[in-house]
Amino acid sequence: MPTGVPKTGYMTVEMAKNAARTIVADITGKPVSEPEPLGVLCLVDMGNSAVFAKAKPLLPPRQETVWKKGIIYKWGKHAFERYFLWKMKNGLTQLP
């Protein structure tokens, strides 16, 4: 059973952006641009601690993982989720 805040679908959004660019290029007859390497941002809430993971590209060797402990990181997870869902709901996908 899922608990906590909802998943954002960050990677899914990035893949959808690449797909949309490809479809537009196909319809307009323009060359398809090379997609950016797929990356991932993840902030995992674990009660009184959290893990922030960033990888771009997704596959090694360029992966970074930082372990942070403290309730502030749990709040950071909630703030990030609210921001991400807000910008998706309002069509502001160009924002970071």
N, C-alpha and C. Protein backbone atom coordinates (compact mmCIF):
# COMPACT_ATOMS: atom_id res chain seq x y z
N MET A 1 0.84 -1.18 0.00
CA MET A 1 0.00 0.00 0.00
C MET A 1 0.88 1.24 0.00
N PRO A 2 0.67 2.17 -0.96
CA PRO A 2 1.47 3.39 -1.00
C PRO A 2 1.23 4.27 0.21
N THR A 3 2.28 4.91 0.65
CA THR A 3 2.16 5.88 1.75
C THR A 3 2.92 7.13 1.36
N GLY A 4 2.71 8.20 2.11
CA GLY A 4 3.44 9.43 1.86
C GLY A 4 2.87 10.20 0.68
N VAL A 5 3.69 11.09 0.15
CA VAL A 5 3.25 11.95 -0.96
C VAL A 5 3.32 11.19 -2.27
N PRO A 6 2.57 11.63 -3.29
CA PRO A 6 2.55 10.90 -4.56
C PRO A 6 3.87 11.00 -5.31
N LYS A 7 4.08 10.06 -6.20
CA LYS A 7 5.26 10.08 -7.06
C LYS A 7 5.06 11.15 -8.12
N THR A 8 6.14 11.80 -8.52
CA THR A 8 6.01 12.88 -9.49
C THR A 8 6.04 12.41 -10.93
N GLY A 9 6.70 11.33 -11.21
CA GLY A 9 6.81 10.91 -12.60
C GLY A 9 7.83 11.72 -13.36
N TYR A 10 8.87 12.19 -12.68
CA TYR A 10 9.89 13.04 -13.30
C TYR A 10 10.45 12.43 -14.59
N MET A 11 10.84 11.17 -14.52
CA MET A 11 11.43 10.53 -15.70
C MET A 11 10.39 10.39 -16.81
N THR A 12 9.15 10.12 -16.46
CA THR A 12 8.09 9.99 -17.46
C THR A 12 7.87 11.31 -18.18
N VAL A 13 7.90 12.41 -17.43
CA VAL A 13 7.74 13.73 -18.03
C VAL A 13 8.88 14.01 -19.01
N GLU A 14 10.09 13.68 -18.62
CA GLU A 14 11.24 13.91 -19.51
C GLU A 14 11.12 13.07 -20.78
N MET A 15 10.69 11.82 -20.66
CA MET A 15 10.51 10.97 -21.84
C MET A 15 9.39 11.52 -22.73
N ALA A 16 8.33 12.04 -22.12
CA ALA A 16 7.21 12.61 -22.89
C ALA A 16 7.66 13.85 -23.66
N LYS A 17 8.51 14.66 -23.05
CA LYS A 17 9.03 15.85 -23.75
C LYS A 17 9.82 15.44 -24.99
N ASN A 18 10.67 14.42 -24.84
CA ASN A 18 11.44 13.93 -25.99
C ASN A 18 10.52 13.38 -27.07
N ALA A 19 9.50 12.65 -26.67
CA ALA A 19 8.54 12.09 -27.64
C ALA A 19 7.80 13.22 -28.36
N ALA A 20 7.38 14.24 -27.63
CA ALA A 20 6.66 15.37 -28.24
C ALA A 20 7.55 16.09 -29.26
N ARG A 21 8.82 16.32 -28.92
CA ARG A 21 9.73 16.96 -29.86
C ARG A 21 9.90 16.13 -31.12
N THR A 22 9.95 14.82 -30.97
CA THR A 22 10.10 13.93 -32.13
C THR A 22 8.85 13.97 -33.00
N ILE A 23 7.68 13.97 -32.40
CA ILE A 23 6.42 14.03 -33.15
C ILE A 23 6.31 15.35 -33.92
N VAL A 24 6.64 16.45 -33.26
CA VAL A 24 6.60 17.77 -33.93
C VAL A 24 7.55 17.79 -35.11
N ALA A 25 8.76 17.28 -34.93
CA ALA A 25 9.73 17.25 -36.02
C ALA A 25 9.23 16.39 -37.17
N ASP A 26 8.59 15.29 -36.86
CA ASP A 26 8.05 14.40 -37.89
C ASP A 26 6.92 15.08 -38.67
N ILE A 27 6.02 15.75 -37.97
CA ILE A 27 4.88 16.42 -38.62
C ILE A 27 5.34 17.59 -39.48
N THR A 28 6.30 18.35 -38.97
CA THR A 28 6.76 19.53 -39.70
C THR A 28 7.83 19.21 -40.75
N GLY A 29 8.30 17.98 -40.76
CA GLY A 29 9.31 17.58 -41.73
C GLY A 29 10.71 18.05 -41.40
N LYS A 30 10.90 18.53 -40.20
CA LYS A 30 12.23 18.99 -39.76
C LYS A 30 13.03 17.80 -39.23
N PRO A 31 14.35 17.91 -39.25
CA PRO A 31 15.14 16.80 -38.71
C PRO A 31 14.91 16.64 -37.20
N VAL A 32 14.97 15.42 -36.77
CA VAL A 32 14.78 15.12 -35.34
C VAL A 32 16.07 15.45 -34.60
N SER A 33 15.94 16.29 -33.57
CA SER A 33 17.13 16.63 -32.79
C SER A 33 17.47 15.48 -31.85
N GLU A 34 18.73 15.38 -31.55
CA GLU A 34 19.20 14.34 -30.63
C GLU A 34 18.67 14.63 -29.23
N PRO A 35 17.96 13.68 -28.60
CA PRO A 35 17.43 13.96 -27.25
C PRO A 35 18.55 14.08 -26.23
N GLU A 36 18.29 14.87 -25.20
CA GLU A 36 19.25 14.98 -24.11
C GLU A 36 19.31 13.65 -23.38
N PRO A 37 20.45 13.34 -22.77
CA PRO A 37 20.52 12.10 -21.99
C PRO A 37 19.48 12.11 -20.87
N LEU A 38 18.82 11.00 -20.67
CA LEU A 38 17.79 10.90 -19.63
C LEU A 38 18.44 10.93 -18.26
N GLY A 39 17.95 11.83 -17.44
CA GLY A 39 18.47 11.93 -16.08
C GLY A 39 17.37 11.66 -15.07
N VAL A 40 17.74 11.64 -13.82
CA VAL A 40 16.76 11.38 -12.76
C VAL A 40 17.11 12.24 -11.54
N LEU A 41 16.06 12.74 -10.89
CA LEU A 41 16.18 13.42 -9.60
C LEU A 41 15.27 12.68 -8.65
N CYS A 42 15.77 12.33 -7.50
CA CYS A 42 14.95 11.58 -6.56
C CYS A 42 15.27 12.04 -5.14
N LEU A 43 14.24 12.38 -4.40
CA LEU A 43 14.37 12.73 -2.99
C LEU A 43 13.48 11.76 -2.23
N VAL A 44 14.11 10.85 -1.51
CA VAL A 44 13.39 9.78 -0.83
C VAL A 44 13.21 10.12 0.64
N ASP A 45 11.98 10.25 1.06
CA ASP A 45 11.62 10.53 2.45
C ASP A 45 11.68 9.23 3.24
N MET A 46 12.43 9.24 4.34
CA MET A 46 12.54 8.05 5.18
C MET A 46 12.39 8.44 6.65
N GLY A 47 11.28 9.11 6.94
CA GLY A 47 11.04 9.50 8.32
C GLY A 47 11.90 10.67 8.73
N ASN A 48 12.91 10.42 9.55
CA ASN A 48 13.78 11.48 10.03
C ASN A 48 15.03 11.65 9.17
N SER A 49 15.08 10.98 8.06
CA SER A 49 16.22 11.13 7.16
C SER A 49 15.73 11.08 5.72
N ALA A 50 16.61 11.40 4.82
CA ALA A 50 16.24 11.40 3.41
C ALA A 50 17.46 11.12 2.56
N VAL A 51 17.23 10.65 1.36
CA VAL A 51 18.31 10.44 0.39
C VAL A 51 17.97 11.27 -0.83
N PHE A 52 18.93 12.05 -1.28
CA PHE A 52 18.79 12.80 -2.52
C PHE A 52 19.67 12.12 -3.54
N ALA A 53 19.09 11.72 -4.65
CA ALA A 53 19.86 11.07 -5.72
C ALA A 53 19.70 11.87 -6.99
N LYS A 54 20.80 12.11 -7.65
CA LYS A 54 20.80 12.84 -8.92
C LYS A 54 21.69 12.07 -9.87
N ALA A 55 21.21 11.83 -11.06
CA ALA A 55 22.02 11.14 -12.05
C ALA A 55 21.68 11.70 -13.44
N LYS A 56 22.68 12.16 -14.14
CA LYS A 56 22.49 12.61 -15.51
C LYS A 56 23.80 12.42 -16.24
N PRO A 57 23.88 11.50 -17.15
CA PRO A 57 22.80 10.62 -17.56
C PRO A 57 22.46 9.60 -16.48
N LEU A 58 21.35 8.93 -16.69
CA LEU A 58 20.85 7.98 -15.71
C LEU A 58 21.85 6.86 -15.42
N LEU A 59 22.44 6.35 -16.46
CA LEU A 59 23.35 5.21 -16.30
C LEU A 59 24.74 5.67 -15.86
N PRO A 60 25.49 4.81 -15.16
CA PRO A 60 26.83 5.17 -14.70
C PRO A 60 27.71 5.57 -15.88
N PRO A 61 28.77 6.30 -15.67
CA PRO A 61 29.44 6.54 -14.39
C PRO A 61 29.05 7.85 -13.71
N ARG A 62 28.17 8.66 -14.27
CA ARG A 62 27.89 9.98 -13.72
C ARG A 62 26.74 9.97 -12.72
N GLN A 63 26.85 9.22 -11.69
CA GLN A 63 25.79 9.20 -10.67
C GLN A 63 26.30 9.84 -9.39
N GLU A 64 25.43 10.58 -8.76
CA GLU A 64 25.74 11.20 -7.48
C GLU A 64 24.66 10.79 -6.48
N THR A 65 25.07 10.44 -5.30
CA THR A 65 24.10 10.16 -4.24
C THR A 65 24.61 10.81 -2.97
N VAL A 66 23.73 11.51 -2.29
CA VAL A 66 24.09 12.19 -1.05
C VAL A 66 23.11 11.75 0.02
N TRP A 67 23.60 11.39 1.16
CA TRP A 67 22.75 11.00 2.28
C TRP A 67 22.65 12.19 3.22
N LYS A 68 21.42 12.62 3.48
CA LYS A 68 21.20 13.72 4.41
C LYS A 68 20.27 13.25 5.51
N LYS A 69 20.55 13.64 6.73
CA LYS A 69 19.72 13.22 7.85
C LYS A 69 19.13 14.45 8.52
N GLY A 70 17.84 14.37 8.82
CA GLY A 70 17.16 15.46 9.51
C GLY A 70 15.75 15.64 8.98
N ILE A 71 14.89 16.14 9.83
CA ILE A 71 13.49 16.32 9.48
C ILE A 71 13.31 17.33 8.35
N ILE A 72 14.24 18.26 8.21
CA ILE A 72 14.13 19.27 7.15
C ILE A 72 14.10 18.63 5.76
N TYR A 73 14.74 17.49 5.60
CA TYR A 73 14.74 16.83 4.30
C TYR A 73 13.40 16.17 4.00
N LYS A 74 12.70 15.76 5.04
CA LYS A 74 11.33 15.26 4.85
C LYS A 74 10.46 16.41 4.36
N TRP A 75 10.60 17.57 4.97
CA TRP A 75 9.85 18.74 4.53
C TRP A 75 10.25 19.13 3.11
N GLY A 76 11.53 18.98 2.81
CA GLY A 76 12.00 19.26 1.45
C GLY A 76 11.34 18.36 0.42
N LYS A 77 11.14 17.12 0.77
CA LYS A 77 10.45 16.17 -0.11
C LYS A 77 9.03 16.65 -0.39
N HIS A 78 8.32 17.04 0.66
CA HIS A 78 6.95 17.51 0.48
C HIS A 78 6.90 18.79 -0.36
N ALA A 79 7.84 19.71 -0.10
CA ALA A 79 7.87 20.96 -0.87
C ALA A 79 8.16 20.68 -2.34
N PHE A 80 9.11 19.80 -2.60
CA PHE A 80 9.45 19.46 -3.99
C PHE A 80 8.26 18.82 -4.70
N GLU A 81 7.58 17.90 -4.04
CA GLU A 81 6.43 17.23 -4.63
C GLU A 81 5.33 18.23 -4.96
N ARG A 82 5.04 19.13 -4.03
CA ARG A 82 4.00 20.14 -4.27
C ARG A 82 4.37 21.03 -5.45
N TYR A 83 5.63 21.47 -5.50
CA TYR A 83 6.08 22.32 -6.60
C TYR A 83 5.96 21.59 -7.94
N PHE A 84 6.46 20.36 -7.98
CA PHE A 84 6.46 19.59 -9.23
C PHE A 84 5.03 19.36 -9.72
N LEU A 85 4.14 18.93 -8.84
CA LEU A 85 2.76 18.69 -9.23
C LEU A 85 2.06 19.98 -9.64
N TRP A 86 2.37 21.10 -8.96
CA TRP A 86 1.79 22.40 -9.32
C TRP A 86 2.20 22.80 -10.73
N LYS A 87 3.50 22.68 -11.04
CA LYS A 87 3.93 23.12 -12.36
C LYS A 87 3.37 22.20 -13.46
N MET A 88 3.19 20.91 -13.19
CA MET A 88 2.59 20.03 -14.17
C MET A 88 1.12 20.39 -14.37
N LYS A 89 0.40 20.63 -13.29
CA LYS A 89 -1.02 20.96 -13.36
C LYS A 89 -1.26 22.24 -14.13
N ASN A 90 -0.32 23.19 -14.03
CA ASN A 90 -0.47 24.49 -14.66
C ASN A 90 0.24 24.60 -16.01
N GLY A 91 0.75 23.48 -16.52
CA GLY A 91 1.38 23.48 -17.83
C GLY A 91 2.69 24.24 -17.89
N LEU A 92 3.39 24.33 -16.79
CA LEU A 92 4.64 25.08 -16.71
C LEU A 92 5.84 24.14 -16.74
N THR A 93 5.83 23.22 -17.68
CA THR A 93 6.87 22.18 -17.72
C THR A 93 8.25 22.72 -18.04
N GLN A 94 8.32 23.95 -18.58
CA GLN A 94 9.62 24.52 -18.90
C GLN A 94 10.38 24.97 -17.66
N LEU A 95 9.69 25.10 -16.52
CA LEU A 95 10.37 25.48 -15.28
C LEU A 95 11.26 24.34 -14.80
N PRO A 96 12.32 24.69 -14.08
CA PRO A 96 13.21 23.62 -13.58
C PRO A 96 12.53 22.72 -12.56
